[in-house]
Amino acid sequence: MATRRLTRRERCAAGRHTPAEIKEGGDGEIRRAQCRYCGAPIMRTQATRIWFAAGRMA
C-alpha cells in the first residue's frame, strides 16, 4: 500500500520546512532562510544538513 504525500501545511507542521531564499552566515557554517510556505524562520548547519525552525518557540 502506497503512503500519501503530505500537503505543504502538513510538512510545515511536521517540521519539514522548505527554504525560499537562503542567506549565508558570516562564517559560512550557518544558513538562514524563511520557509517558502508558512514563513517561519528556519536555519541549517553543515553538521545537521537539515532545515529546522529557528527563533522563539511560543
Protein backbone atom coordinates (compact mmCIF):
# COMPACT_ATOMS: atom_id res chain seq x y z
CA MET A 1 0.00 0.00 0.00
CA ALA A 2 1.40 3.36 -1.01
CA THR A 3 1.54 6.19 1.51
CA ARG A 4 0.08 9.51 0.54
CA ARG A 5 2.21 12.60 0.14
CA LEU A 6 1.95 15.29 2.79
CA THR A 7 0.44 18.64 1.91
CA ARG A 8 2.52 21.80 2.32
CA ARG A 9 0.74 22.64 5.57
CA GLU A 10 1.30 19.13 6.94
CA ARG A 11 5.00 19.24 6.01
CA CYS A 12 5.47 22.51 7.92
CA ALA A 13 3.50 21.19 10.91
CA ALA A 14 5.80 18.14 10.95
CA GLY A 15 8.86 20.44 10.96
CA ARG A 16 9.95 19.71 7.38
CA HIS A 17 10.22 23.25 6.02
CA THR A 18 11.32 24.33 2.54
CA PRO A 19 13.60 27.40 2.25
CA ALA A 20 12.63 30.29 -0.02
CA GLU A 21 15.75 32.48 -0.14
CA ILE A 22 18.92 31.29 1.60
CA LYS A 23 21.24 33.74 3.39
CA GLU A 24 24.70 32.58 4.45
CA GLY A 25 26.07 33.45 7.88
CA GLY A 26 29.35 35.30 8.43
CA ASP A 27 31.37 32.12 8.90
CA GLY A 28 29.63 30.16 6.13
CA GLU A 29 28.59 27.42 8.54
CA ILE A 30 25.04 28.55 9.35
CA ARG A 31 22.47 29.27 6.67
CA ARG A 32 19.25 31.09 7.45
CA ALA A 33 16.05 31.37 5.46
CA GLN A 34 12.30 31.66 5.72
CA CYS A 35 10.01 28.78 4.92
CA ARG A 36 8.53 29.12 1.45
CA TYR A 37 5.06 28.03 2.58
CA CYS A 38 4.50 29.16 6.20
CA GLY A 39 7.06 31.99 6.54
CA ALA A 40 8.70 30.60 9.67
CA PRO A 41 12.37 31.49 10.24
CA ILE A 42 14.49 28.37 9.66
CA MET A 43 18.21 27.60 9.79
CA ARG A 44 20.63 24.87 8.76
CA THR A 45 24.20 23.98 9.73
CA GLN A 46 26.73 21.97 7.78
CA ALA A 47 26.76 19.38 10.58
CA THR A 48 23.00 18.69 10.64
CA ARG A 49 22.25 19.30 6.94
CA ILE A 50 18.52 19.58 7.70
CA TRP A 51 16.36 22.69 7.97
CA PHE A 52 14.88 23.32 11.41
CA ALA A 53 12.87 26.12 12.97
CA ALA A 54 14.85 28.97 14.49
CA GLY A 55 13.87 31.82 16.77
CA ARG A 56 11.28 31.95 19.52
CA MET A 57 9.11 28.92 20.08
CA ALA A 58 5.94 30.33 21.64
